[in-house]
């Protein structure tokens, strides 16, 4: 267990001091707004999501993430008219003594194109706070540590995100950049520069009859000084009420995915990650849960409208 704790702390120090890896999610198809501000306004009505992710369960002070977002559209009542999207999101990520919090206001403009496509461009503007709590750290030579010197509690403003989203009912293509020109975290010796995160997304919805829809999707993440991360998932959706699937992330492991409409306007998504890297020897896995509320009117109380993504 001591070896695992050292690994966790070392990974977190690299996160803050080198590449500042932002949180990732296994249910990314149900949570694209955390990756790309251009998604804001794509829901047919006011949409809100809240989620929690716990990684490496059983290890003290292992990484955990809490988030919430809300967005809606303005205009666009006619299928040929352009419209706007407005939203906001918050995120808090903790890993041992390291913590990261952010708040962003989001805007997107959606332009109708030919072939039933819509292209949106989105911008996120906000701030982030980076913290280190030394009372939770036990280092052999903390005073001479090459990465961390002094206490860290640094606010960074502005934090800018930008994205493009090309979509129609049965497919989507997205690219986004997060933490653009964010500067450096004060109190980190050496390279404390916050790096821009690039994300590429693609997915489809393939009808297999009146009741079943197959939904494959890919997500490619890249940030400087780290290997690109490729994620994929395949979901089988039954009448937009129940979806089951599997997912995988390069170098990390596999996921079992579930999404179900449980109450009127309410959807629950759950992911269980099976770790396949070095932590697998300790049987440490991850849990992720997302609750979505969408204020769309429907004759069916358990029907939540969705297309290639949610």
C-alpha atoms as a PDB file:
ATOM      1  CA  UNK A   1       0.000   0.000   0.000  1.00  0.00           C
ATOM      2  CA  UNK A   2       2.876   2.348   0.757  1.00  0.00           C
ATOM      3  CA  UNK A   3       4.201   1.824  -2.790  1.00  0.00           C
ATOM      4  CA  UNK A   4       0.783   2.747  -4.207  1.00  0.00           C
ATOM      5  CA  UNK A   5       0.545   5.908  -2.096  1.00  0.00           C
ATOM      6  CA  UNK A   6       3.975   7.031  -3.307  1.00  0.00           C
ATOM      7  CA  UNK A   7       2.865   6.397  -6.894  1.00  0.00           C
ATOM      8  CA  UNK A   8      -0.286   8.452  -6.412  1.00  0.00           C
ATOM      9  CA  UNK A   9       1.582  11.396  -4.882  1.00  0.00           C
ATOM     10  CA  UNK A  10       4.239  11.269  -7.575  1.00  0.00           C
ATOM     11  CA  UNK A  11       1.603  11.259 -10.316  1.00  0.00           C
ATOM     12  CA  UNK A  12      -0.158  14.226  -8.729  1.00  0.00           C
ATOM     13  CA  UNK A  13       3.059  16.205  -8.463  1.00  0.00           C
ATOM     14  CA  UNK A  14       3.648  15.689 -12.174  1.00  0.00           C
ATOM     15  CA  UNK A  15       0.068  16.765 -12.854  1.00  0.00           C
ATOM     16  CA  UNK A  16       0.511  20.121 -11.134  1.00  0.00           C
ATOM     17  CA  UNK A  17       4.167  20.731 -11.940  1.00  0.00           C
ATOM     18  CA  UNK A  18       4.393  19.586 -15.548  1.00  0.00           C
ATOM     19  CA  UNK A  19       1.326  19.015 -17.691  1.00  0.00           C
ATOM     20  CA  UNK A  20      -1.639  19.892 -15.429  1.00  0.00           C
ATOM     21  CA  UNK A  21      -3.832  17.055 -16.625  1.00  0.00           C
ATOM     22  CA  UNK A  22      -7.497  18.027 -16.397  1.00  0.00           C
ATOM     23  CA  UNK A  23     -10.094  15.487 -15.165  1.00  0.00           C
ATOM     24  CA  UNK A  24     -11.398  12.846 -17.560  1.00  0.00           C
ATOM     25  CA  UNK A  25     -14.672  10.903 -17.531  1.00  0.00           C
ATOM     26  CA  UNK A  26     -15.605   7.388 -18.609  1.00  0.00           C
ATOM     27  CA  UNK A  27     -19.144   8.450 -19.603  1.00  0.00           C
ATOM     28  CA  UNK A  28     -17.788  11.119 -21.937  1.00  0.00           C
ATOM     29  CA  UNK A  29     -20.656  10.772 -24.445  1.00  0.00           C
ATOM     30  CA  UNK A  30     -23.035  11.825 -21.662  1.00  0.00           C
ATOM     31  CA  UNK A  31     -20.713  14.611 -20.558  1.00  0.00           C
ATOM     32  CA  UNK A  32     -19.201  16.330 -23.607  1.00  0.00           C
ATOM     33  CA  UNK A  33     -19.883  19.780 -22.180  1.00  0.00           C
ATOM     34  CA  UNK A  34     -16.966  19.361 -19.743  1.00  0.00           C
ATOM     35  CA  UNK A  35     -14.670  18.931 -22.754  1.00  0.00           C
ATOM     36  CA  UNK A  36     -16.040  21.307 -25.383  1.00  0.00           C
ATOM     37  CA  UNK A  37     -17.897  24.626 -24.903  1.00  0.00           C
ATOM     38  CA  UNK A  38     -19.339  24.366 -28.435  1.00  0.00           C
ATOM     39  CA  UNK A  39     -21.729  21.690 -27.131  1.00  0.00           C
ATOM     40  CA  UNK A  40     -23.595  24.381 -25.170  1.00  0.00           C
ATOM     41  CA  UNK A  41     -27.079  24.793 -26.627  1.00  0.00           C
ATOM     42  CA  UNK A  42     -27.267  21.419 -28.399  1.00  0.00           C
ATOM     43  CA  UNK A  43     -29.894  20.074 -25.977  1.00  0.00           C
ATOM     44  CA  UNK A  44     -33.494  20.650 -27.111  1.00  0.00           C
ATOM     45  CA  UNK A  45     -34.285  22.329 -23.779  1.00  0.00           C
ATOM     46  CA  UNK A  46     -32.704  23.342 -20.472  1.00  0.00           C
ATOM     47  CA  UNK A  47     -30.263  20.598 -19.489  1.00  0.00           C
ATOM     48  CA  UNK A  48     -28.371  20.072 -16.206  1.00  0.00           C
ATOM     49  CA  UNK A  49     -25.905  17.397 -15.117  1.00  0.00           C
ATOM     50  CA  UNK A  50     -24.190  16.647 -11.823  1.00  0.00           C
ATOM     51  CA  UNK A  51     -21.528  13.994 -11.374  1.00  0.00           C
ATOM     52  CA  UNK A  52     -19.002  12.338  -9.090  1.00  0.00           C
ATOM     53  CA  UNK A  53     -16.000  10.174  -9.978  1.00  0.00           C
ATOM     54  CA  UNK A  54     -13.894   8.189  -7.495  1.00  0.00           C
ATOM     55  CA  UNK A  55     -10.707   6.635  -8.840  1.00  0.00           C
ATOM     56  CA  UNK A  56      -8.659   3.789  -7.291  1.00  0.00           C
ATOM     57  CA  UNK A  57     -11.177   3.014  -4.564  1.00  0.00           C
ATOM     58  CA  UNK A  58      -9.624   1.639  -1.401  1.00  0.00           C
ATOM     59  CA  UNK A  59      -6.503   3.820  -1.596  1.00  0.00           C
ATOM     60  CA  UNK A  60      -6.567   6.678   0.961  1.00  0.00           C
ATOM     61  CA  UNK A  61      -6.789  10.141  -0.616  1.00  0.00           C
ATOM     62  CA  UNK A  62      -7.148   8.683  -4.106  1.00  0.00           C
ATOM     63  CA  UNK A  63      -8.307  11.029  -6.914  1.00  0.00           C
ATOM     64  CA  UNK A  64     -11.932  12.145  -6.927  1.00  0.00           C
ATOM     65  CA  UNK A  65     -13.825  14.639  -9.067  1.00  0.00           C
ATOM     66  CA  UNK A  66     -17.114  16.498  -8.600  1.00  0.00           C
ATOM     67  CA  UNK A  67     -18.718  18.532 -11.370  1.00  0.00           C
ATOM     68  CA  UNK A  68     -21.954  20.230 -12.426  1.00  0.00           C
ATOM     69  CA  UNK A  69     -23.057  21.999 -15.581  1.00  0.00           C
ATOM     70  CA  UNK A  70     -26.164  23.584 -17.030  1.00  0.00           C
ATOM     71  CA  UNK A  71     -26.954  24.919 -20.502  1.00  0.00           C
ATOM     72  CA  UNK A  72     -29.780  25.873 -22.833  1.00  0.00           C
ATOM     73  CA  UNK A  73     -30.516  27.388 -26.227  1.00  0.00           C
ATOM     74  CA  UNK A  74     -31.846  30.790 -27.283  1.00  0.00           C
ATOM     75  CA  UNK A  75     -33.753  31.001 -30.558  1.00  0.00           C
ATOM     76  CA  UNK A  76     -33.607  28.329 -33.233  1.00  0.00           C
ATOM     77  CA  UNK A  77     -37.324  27.545 -33.181  1.00  0.00           C
ATOM     78  CA  UNK A  78     -37.240  27.137 -36.936  1.00  0.00           C
ATOM     79  CA  UNK A  79     -35.135  24.267 -38.256  1.00  0.00           C
ATOM     80  CA  UNK A  80     -33.361  26.595 -40.687  1.00  0.00           C
ATOM     81  CA  UNK A  81     -32.532  29.416 -38.250  1.00  0.00           C
ATOM     82  CA  UNK A  82     -29.305  29.919 -36.334  1.00  0.00           C
ATOM     83  CA  UNK A  83     -29.336  30.103 -32.546  1.00  0.00           C
ATOM     84  CA  UNK A  84     -27.246  30.706 -29.423  1.00  0.00           C
ATOM     85  CA  UNK A  85     -26.278  28.539 -26.466  1.00  0.00           C
ATOM     86  CA  UNK A  86     -25.561  29.730 -22.917  1.00  0.00           C
ATOM     87  CA  UNK A  87     -24.279  27.707 -19.996  1.00  0.00           C
ATOM     88  CA  UNK A  88     -21.976  27.361 -17.004  1.00  0.00           C
ATOM     89  CA  UNK A  89     -19.921  24.586 -15.453  1.00  0.00           C
ATOM     90  CA  UNK A  90     -17.981  23.954 -12.257  1.00  0.00           C
ATOM     91  CA  UNK A  91     -15.406  21.274 -11.515  1.00  0.00           C
ATOM     92  CA  UNK A  92     -13.439  20.229  -8.435  1.00  0.00           C
ATOM     93  CA  UNK A  93     -10.679  17.618  -8.613  1.00  0.00           C
ATOM     94  CA  UNK A  94      -8.719  16.336  -5.590  1.00  0.00           C
ATOM     95  CA  UNK A  95      -5.842  13.847  -5.399  1.00  0.00           C
ATOM     96  CA  UNK A  96      -4.214  13.550  -1.983  1.00  0.00           C
ATOM     97  CA  UNK A  97      -2.752  16.954  -1.057  1.00  0.00           C
ATOM     98  CA  UNK A  98      -3.389  18.382  -4.521  1.00  0.00           C
ATOM     99  CA  UNK A  99      -6.645  20.070  -5.524  1.00  0.00           C
ATOM    100  CA  UNK A 100      -8.022  21.940  -8.522  1.00  0.00           C
ATOM    101  CA  UNK A 101     -11.274  23.914  -8.837  1.00  0.00           C
ATOM    102  CA  UNK A 102     -12.707  25.841 -11.772  1.00  0.00           C
ATOM    103  CA  UNK A 103     -15.751  27.855 -12.825  1.00  0.00           C
ATOM    104  CA  UNK A 104     -16.557  28.731 -16.445  1.00  0.00           C
ATOM    105  CA  UNK A 105     -19.297  30.675 -18.193  1.00  0.00           C
ATOM    106  CA  UNK A 106     -19.968  29.300 -21.677  1.00  0.00           C
ATOM    107  CA  UNK A 107     -21.346  30.646 -24.957  1.00  0.00           C
ATOM    108  CA  UNK A 108     -21.821  29.008 -28.368  1.00  0.00           C
ATOM    109  CA  UNK A 109     -23.197  30.151 -31.707  1.00  0.00           C
ATOM    110  CA  UNK A 110     -24.887  27.489 -33.869  1.00  0.00           C
ATOM    111  CA  UNK A 111     -25.075  27.888 -37.650  1.00  0.00           C
ATOM    112  CA  UNK A 112     -27.376  25.747 -39.777  1.00  0.00           C
ATOM    113  CA  UNK A 113     -25.631  24.132 -42.752  1.00  0.00           C
ATOM    114  CA  UNK A 114     -26.740  21.966 -45.647  1.00  0.00           C
ATOM    115  CA  UNK A 115     -27.250  18.228 -45.265  1.00  0.00           C
ATOM    116  CA  UNK A 116     -28.998  18.649 -41.900  1.00  0.00           C
ATOM    117  CA  UNK A 117     -25.676  19.616 -40.303  1.00  0.00           C
ATOM    118  CA  UNK A 118     -25.140  22.368 -37.746  1.00  0.00           C
ATOM    119  CA  UNK A 119     -21.753  23.909 -36.917  1.00  0.00           C
ATOM    120  CA  UNK A 120     -21.222  25.559 -33.554  1.00  0.00           C
ATOM    121  CA  UNK A 121     -18.314  27.568 -32.179  1.00  0.00           C
ATOM    122  CA  UNK A 122     -18.058  27.849 -28.407  1.00  0.00           C
ATOM    123  CA  UNK A 123     -16.067  29.875 -25.903  1.00  0.00           C
ATOM    124  CA  UNK A 124     -15.584  29.314 -22.185  1.00  0.00           C
ATOM    125  CA  UNK A 125     -14.283  32.034 -19.872  1.00  0.00           C
ATOM    126  CA  UNK A 126     -13.569  31.497 -16.184  1.00  0.00           C
ATOM    127  CA  UNK A 127     -11.012  31.006 -13.449  1.00  0.00           C
ATOM    128  CA  UNK A 128      -9.247  28.141 -11.731  1.00  0.00           C
ATOM    129  CA  UNK A 129      -7.674  27.616  -8.309  1.00  0.00           C
ATOM    130  CA  UNK A 130      -4.736  25.267  -7.693  1.00  0.00           C
ATOM    131  CA  UNK A 131      -3.972  24.151  -4.134  1.00  0.00           C
ATOM    132  CA  UNK A 132      -1.471  22.001  -2.230  1.00  0.00           C
ATOM    133  CA  UNK A 133      -2.116  21.026   1.405  1.00  0.00           C
ATOM    134  CA  UNK A 134       1.243  20.156   3.006  1.00  0.00           C
ATOM    135  CA  UNK A 135      -0.412  18.742   6.134  1.00  0.00           C
ATOM    136  CA  UNK A 136      -1.425  15.730   4.025  1.00  0.00           C
ATOM    137  CA  UNK A 137       2.089  15.098   2.701  1.00  0.00           C
ATOM    138  CA  UNK A 138       4.845  12.910   4.132  1.00  0.00           C
ATOM    139  CA  UNK A 139       8.041  13.399   2.143  1.00  0.00           C
ATOM    140  CA  UNK A 140      11.566  12.331   3.127  1.00  0.00           C
ATOM    141  CA  UNK A 141      13.116  15.636   2.144  1.00  0.00           C
ATOM    142  CA  UNK A 142      10.253  18.039   1.646  1.00  0.00           C
ATOM    143  CA  UNK A 143      12.443  21.139   2.008  1.00  0.00           C
ATOM    144  CA  UNK A 144      14.609  20.109  -0.965  1.00  0.00           C
ATOM    145  CA  UNK A 145      11.929  18.599  -3.151  1.00  0.00           C
ATOM    146  CA  UNK A 146      12.706  19.612  -6.782  1.00  0.00           C
ATOM    147  CA  UNK A 147       9.066  20.102  -7.774  1.00  0.00           C
ATOM    148  CA  UNK A 148       7.345  21.700  -4.807  1.00  0.00           C
ATOM    149  CA  UNK A 149       8.597  24.711  -2.840  1.00  0.00           C
ATOM    150  CA  UNK A 150       6.397  26.683  -0.466  1.00  0.00           C
ATOM    151  CA  UNK A 151       2.640  26.609  -0.138  1.00  0.00           C
ATOM    152  CA  UNK A 152       0.486  26.754  -3.266  1.00  0.00           C
ATOM    153  CA  UNK A 153      -2.928  28.414  -3.399  1.00  0.00           C
ATOM    154  CA  UNK A 154      -3.001  30.154  -6.732  1.00  0.00           C
ATOM    155  CA  UNK A 155      -5.922  31.650  -8.695  1.00  0.00           C
ATOM    156  CA  UNK A 156      -5.566  31.810 -12.464  1.00  0.00           C
ATOM    157  CA  UNK A 157      -7.709  34.193 -14.553  1.00  0.00           C
ATOM    158  CA  UNK A 158      -8.654  34.176 -17.321  1.00  0.00           C
ATOM    159  CA  UNK A 159      -8.950  30.470 -18.107  1.00  0.00           C
ATOM    160  CA  UNK A 160     -10.109  30.227 -21.722  1.00  0.00           C
ATOM    161  CA  UNK A 161     -11.616  27.218 -23.516  1.00  0.00           C
ATOM    162  CA  UNK A 162     -12.559  27.097 -27.197  1.00  0.00           C
ATOM    163  CA  UNK A 163     -14.246  24.462 -29.338  1.00  0.00           C
ATOM    164  CA  UNK A 164     -15.928  23.600 -32.637  1.00  0.00           C
ATOM    165  CA  UNK A 165     -18.776  21.086 -32.966  1.00  0.00           C
ATOM    166  CA  UNK A 166     -20.173  19.785 -36.277  1.00  0.00           C
ATOM    167  CA  UNK A 167     -23.273  17.654 -35.784  1.00  0.00           C
ATOM    168  CA  UNK A 168     -26.605  16.331 -36.898  1.00  0.00           C
ATOM    169  CA  UNK A 169     -28.998  13.805 -35.342  1.00  0.00           C
ATOM    170  CA  UNK A 170     -26.924  10.710 -36.108  1.00  0.00           C
ATOM    171  CA  UNK A 171     -23.293  11.877 -35.857  1.00  0.00           C
ATOM    172  CA  UNK A 172     -20.902  14.493 -34.525  1.00  0.00           C
ATOM    173  CA  UNK A 173     -17.315  15.720 -34.905  1.00  0.00           C
ATOM    174  CA  UNK A 174     -15.657  17.941 -32.316  1.00  0.00           C
ATOM    175  CA  UNK A 175     -12.359  19.627 -31.514  1.00  0.00           C
ATOM    176  CA  UNK A 176     -11.589  21.706 -28.451  1.00  0.00           C
ATOM    177  CA  UNK A 177      -8.760  23.474 -26.659  1.00  0.00           C
ATOM    178  CA  UNK A 178      -8.866  23.967 -22.896  1.00  0.00           C
ATOM    179  CA  UNK A 179      -6.648  26.124 -20.667  1.00  0.00           C
ATOM    180  CA  UNK A 180      -5.561  28.420 -23.494  1.00  0.00           C
ATOM    181  CA  UNK A 181      -2.940  30.986 -22.397  1.00  0.00           C
ATOM    182  CA  UNK A 182      -3.440  30.095 -18.746  1.00  0.00           C
ATOM    183  CA  UNK A 183       0.102  31.021 -17.663  1.00  0.00           C
ATOM    184  CA  UNK A 184       1.903  29.226 -14.831  1.00  0.00           C
ATOM    185  CA  UNK A 185       1.001  28.157 -11.304  1.00  0.00           C
ATOM    186  CA  UNK A 186       2.895  30.289  -8.782  1.00  0.00           C
ATOM    187  CA  UNK A 187       4.836  28.365  -6.137  1.00  0.00           C
ATOM    188  CA  UNK A 188       5.924  25.531  -8.459  1.00  0.00           C
ATOM    189  CA  UNK A 189       9.668  25.401  -9.077  1.00  0.00           C
ATOM    190  CA  UNK A 190      10.743  24.692 -12.654  1.00  0.00           C
ATOM    191  CA  UNK A 191       8.091  24.092 -15.308  1.00  0.00           C
ATOM    192  CA  UNK A 192       4.788  25.058 -13.677  1.00  0.00           C
ATOM    193  CA  UNK A 193       3.261  26.227 -16.950  1.00  0.00           C
ATOM    194  CA  UNK A 194      -0.360  25.192 -17.556  1.00  0.00           C
ATOM    195  CA  UNK A 195      -0.572  23.385 -20.859  1.00  0.00           C
ATOM    196  CA  UNK A 196      -3.325  23.575 -23.467  1.00  0.00           C
ATOM    197  CA  UNK A 197      -5.462  20.408 -23.621  1.00  0.00           C
ATOM    198  CA  UNK A 198      -6.576  19.243 -27.066  1.00  0.00           C
ATOM    199  CA  UNK A 199      -9.584  16.959 -27.473  1.00  0.00           C
ATOM    200  CA  UNK A 200     -10.951  15.366 -30.665  1.00  0.00           C
ATOM    201  CA  UNK A 201     -14.349  13.644 -30.569  1.00  0.00           C
ATOM    202  CA  UNK A 202     -16.363  11.588 -33.028  1.00  0.00           C
ATOM    203  CA  UNK A 203     -19.463   9.434 -32.694  1.00  0.00           C
ATOM    204  CA  UNK A 204     -22.444   7.963 -34.515  1.00  0.00           C
ATOM    205  CA  UNK A 205     -25.942   6.629 -33.882  1.00  0.00           C
ATOM    206  CA  UNK A 206     -26.817   3.629 -36.058  1.00  0.00           C
ATOM    207  CA  UNK A 207     -30.416   2.437 -36.061  1.00  0.00           C
ATOM    208  CA  UNK A 208     -30.867  -1.338 -35.700  1.00  0.00           C
ATOM    209  CA  UNK A 209     -34.645  -1.335 -35.885  1.00  0.00           C
ATOM    210  CA  UNK A 210     -37.472   0.541 -34.241  1.00  0.00           C
ATOM    211  CA  UNK A 211     -36.208  -0.055 -30.684  1.00  0.00           C
ATOM    212  CA  UNK A 212     -32.399  -0.427 -30.761  1.00  0.00           C
ATOM    213  CA  UNK A 213     -29.682   2.098 -31.587  1.00  0.00           C
ATOM    214  CA  UNK A 214     -25.968   1.350 -31.660  1.00  0.00           C
ATOM    215  CA  UNK A 215     -23.791   4.296 -30.550  1.00  0.00           C
ATOM    216  CA  UNK A 216     -19.999   4.017 -30.990  1.00  0.00           C
ATOM    217  CA  UNK A 217     -17.787   6.991 -30.068  1.00  0.00           C
ATOM    218  CA  UNK A 218     -14.092   7.929 -29.845  1.00  0.00           C
ATOM    219  CA  UNK A 219     -12.268  10.570 -27.824  1.00  0.00           C
ATOM    220  CA  UNK A 220      -8.618  11.540 -28.321  1.00  0.00           C
ATOM    221  CA  UNK A 221      -6.956  13.710 -25.671  1.00  0.00           C
ATOM    222  CA  UNK A 222      -3.530  15.300 -25.916  1.00  0.00           C
ATOM    223  CA  UNK A 223      -1.593  17.620 -23.636  1.00  0.00           C
ATOM    224  CA  UNK A 224       2.080  18.565 -23.938  1.00  0.00           C
ATOM    225  CA  UNK A 225       4.653  16.366 -22.157  1.00  0.00           C
ATOM    226  CA  UNK A 226       2.300  13.380 -21.981  1.00  0.00           C
ATOM    227  CA  UNK A 227       1.233  10.553 -24.265  1.00  0.00           C
ATOM    228  CA  UNK A 228      -2.016  10.981 -26.232  1.00  0.00           C
ATOM    229  CA  UNK A 229      -4.934   9.176 -24.616  1.00  0.00           C
ATOM    230  CA  UNK A 230      -7.411   7.353 -26.854  1.00  0.00           C
ATOM    231  CA  UNK A 231     -10.806   6.439 -25.430  1.00  0.00           C
ATOM    232  CA  UNK A 232     -13.596   4.512 -27.067  1.00  0.00           C
ATOM    233  CA  UNK A 233     -17.000   3.211 -26.138  1.00  0.00           C
ATOM    234  CA  UNK A 234     -19.892   1.324 -27.691  1.00  0.00           C
ATOM    235  CA  UNK A 235     -23.423   1.664 -26.316  1.00  0.00           C
ATOM    236  CA  UNK A 236     -26.591  -0.212 -27.217  1.00  0.00           C
ATOM    237  CA  UNK A 237     -29.623   2.006 -26.618  1.00  0.00           C
ATOM    238  CA  UNK A 238     -33.157   0.635 -26.150  1.00  0.00           C
ATOM    239  CA  UNK A 239     -35.893   3.161 -26.944  1.00  0.00           C
ATOM    240  CA  UNK A 240     -33.783   5.977 -25.459  1.00  0.00           C
ATOM    241  CA  UNK A 241     -34.688   4.629 -22.000  1.00  0.00           C
ATOM    242  CA  UNK A 242     -31.948   2.112 -21.268  1.00  0.00           C
ATOM    243  CA  UNK A 243     -28.410   1.938 -22.652  1.00  0.00           C
ATOM    244  CA  UNK A 244     -25.671  -0.596 -21.886  1.00  0.00           C
ATOM    245  CA  UNK A 245     -22.138  -0.620 -23.202  1.00  0.00           C
ATOM    246  CA  UNK A 246     -18.413  -1.006 -22.746  1.00  0.00           C
ATOM    247  CA  UNK A 247     -15.535   1.421 -22.952  1.00  0.00           C
ATOM    248  CA  UNK A 248     -11.733   1.376 -22.972  1.00  0.00           C
ATOM    249  CA  UNK A 249      -8.932   3.887 -22.382  1.00  0.00           C
ATOM    250  CA  UNK A 250      -5.416   3.352 -23.707  1.00  0.00           C
ATOM    251  CA  UNK A 251      -2.971   2.387 -20.976  1.00  0.00           C
ATOM    252  CA  UNK A 252      -5.592   2.406 -18.212  1.00  0.00           C
ATOM    253  CA  UNK A 253      -8.295  -0.216 -18.549  1.00  0.00           C
ATOM    254  CA  UNK A 254     -11.894  -0.971 -19.409  1.00  0.00           C
ATOM    255  CA  UNK A 255     -15.318   0.307 -18.361  1.00  0.00           C
ATOM    256  CA  UNK A 256     -18.809  -1.108 -17.977  1.00  0.00           C
ATOM    257  CA  UNK A 257     -21.354   1.602 -18.831  1.00  0.00           C
ATOM    258  CA  UNK A 258     -25.021   2.061 -17.950  1.00  0.00           C
ATOM    259  CA  UNK A 259     -27.508   4.858 -18.687  1.00  0.00           C
ATOM    260  CA  UNK A 260     -31.172   4.659 -17.681  1.00  0.00           C
ATOM    261  CA  UNK A 261     -34.171   7.006 -17.457  1.00  0.00           C
ATOM    262  CA  UNK A 262     -35.387   6.587 -13.880  1.00  0.00           C
ATOM    263  CA  UNK A 263     -37.900   9.402 -13.319  1.00  0.00           C
ATOM    264  CA  UNK A 264     -39.697  11.980 -15.398  1.00  0.00           C
ATOM    265  CA  UNK A 265     -36.993  14.139 -17.014  1.00  0.00           C
ATOM    266  CA  UNK A 266     -34.229  12.397 -14.975  1.00  0.00           C
ATOM    267  CA  UNK A 267     -31.481  10.122 -16.302  1.00  0.00           C
ATOM    268  CA  UNK A 268     -28.827   8.220 -14.349  1.00  0.00           C
ATOM    269  CA  UNK A 269     -25.483   7.184 -15.867  1.00  0.00           C
ATOM    270  CA  UNK A 270     -22.959   4.912 -14.156  1.00  0.00           C
ATOM    271  CA  UNK A 271     -19.499   3.650 -15.097  1.00  0.00           C
ATOM    272  CA  UNK A 272     -17.383   0.991 -13.399  1.00  0.00           C
ATOM    273  CA  UNK A 273     -13.737   1.115 -14.477  1.00  0.00           C
ATOM    274  CA  UNK A 274     -11.587  -2.003 -14.340  1.00  0.00           C
ATOM    275  CA  UNK A 275      -7.977  -0.914 -13.914  1.00  0.00           C
ATOM    276  CA  UNK A 276      -5.505  -2.595 -16.267  1.00  0.00           C
ATOM    277  CA  UNK A 277      -2.292  -0.703 -15.463  1.00  0.00           C
ATOM    278  CA  UNK A 278       0.134  -1.396 -12.572  1.00  0.00           C
ATOM    279  CA  UNK A 279      -2.536  -0.601  -9.987  1.00  0.00           C
ATOM    280  CA  UNK A 280      -4.476  -3.697 -11.087  1.00  0.00           C
ATOM    281  CA  UNK A 281      -2.373  -5.835  -8.753  1.00  0.00           C
ATOM    282  CA  UNK A 282      -4.091  -4.166  -5.815  1.00  0.00           C
ATOM    283  CA  UNK A 283      -7.524  -4.567  -7.408  1.00  0.00           C
ATOM    284  CA  UNK A 284      -8.186  -0.837  -7.444  1.00  0.00           C
ATOM    285  CA  UNK A 285     -11.032   0.271  -9.697  1.00  0.00           C
ATOM    286  CA  UNK A 286     -13.067   3.436 -10.252  1.00  0.00           C
ATOM    287  CA  UNK A 287     -16.731   4.449  -9.983  1.00  0.00           C
ATOM    288  CA  UNK A 288     -18.454   7.294 -11.812  1.00  0.00           C
ATOM    289  CA  UNK A 289     -22.046   8.449 -11.499  1.00  0.00           C
ATOM    290  CA  UNK A 290     -23.856  11.241 -13.378  1.00  0.00           C
ATOM    291  CA  UNK A 291     -27.395  12.504 -12.817  1.00  0.00           C
ATOM    292  CA  UNK A 292     -28.982  14.415 -15.684  1.00  0.00           C
ATOM    293  CA  UNK A 293     -32.134  16.537 -15.603  1.00  0.00           C
ATOM    294  CA  UNK A 294     -33.683  17.746 -18.864  1.00  0.00           C
ATOM    295  CA  UNK A 295     -36.802  19.922 -18.865  1.00  0.00           C
ATOM    296  CA  UNK A 296     -38.289  18.548 -22.090  1.00  0.00           C
ATOM    297  CA  UNK A 297     -41.981  17.807 -22.339  1.00  0.00           C
ATOM    298  CA  UNK A 298     -42.825  14.257 -23.396  1.00  0.00           C
ATOM    299  CA  UNK A 299     -45.904  12.075 -23.424  1.00  0.00           C
ATOM    300  CA  UNK A 300     -43.790   9.218 -22.070  1.00  0.00           C
ATOM    301  CA  UNK A 301     -42.640  10.035 -18.496  1.00  0.00           C
ATOM    302  CA  UNK A 302     -39.520   7.868 -18.882  1.00  0.00           C
ATOM    303  CA  UNK A 303     -38.486   9.126 -22.299  1.00  0.00           C
ATOM    304  CA  UNK A 304     -35.490  11.478 -22.435  1.00  0.00           C
ATOM    305  CA  UNK A 305     -34.798  12.621 -26.030  1.00  0.00           C
ATOM    306  CA  UNK A 306     -31.277  11.969 -27.312  1.00  0.00           C
ATOM    307  CA  UNK A 307     -29.415  11.616 -30.610  1.00  0.00           C
ATOM    308  CA  UNK A 308     -25.853  10.447 -31.294  1.00  0.00           C
ATOM    309  CA  UNK A 309     -24.850  11.939 -27.955  1.00  0.00           C
ATOM    310  CA  UNK A 310     -26.626  13.273 -24.884  1.00  0.00           C
END
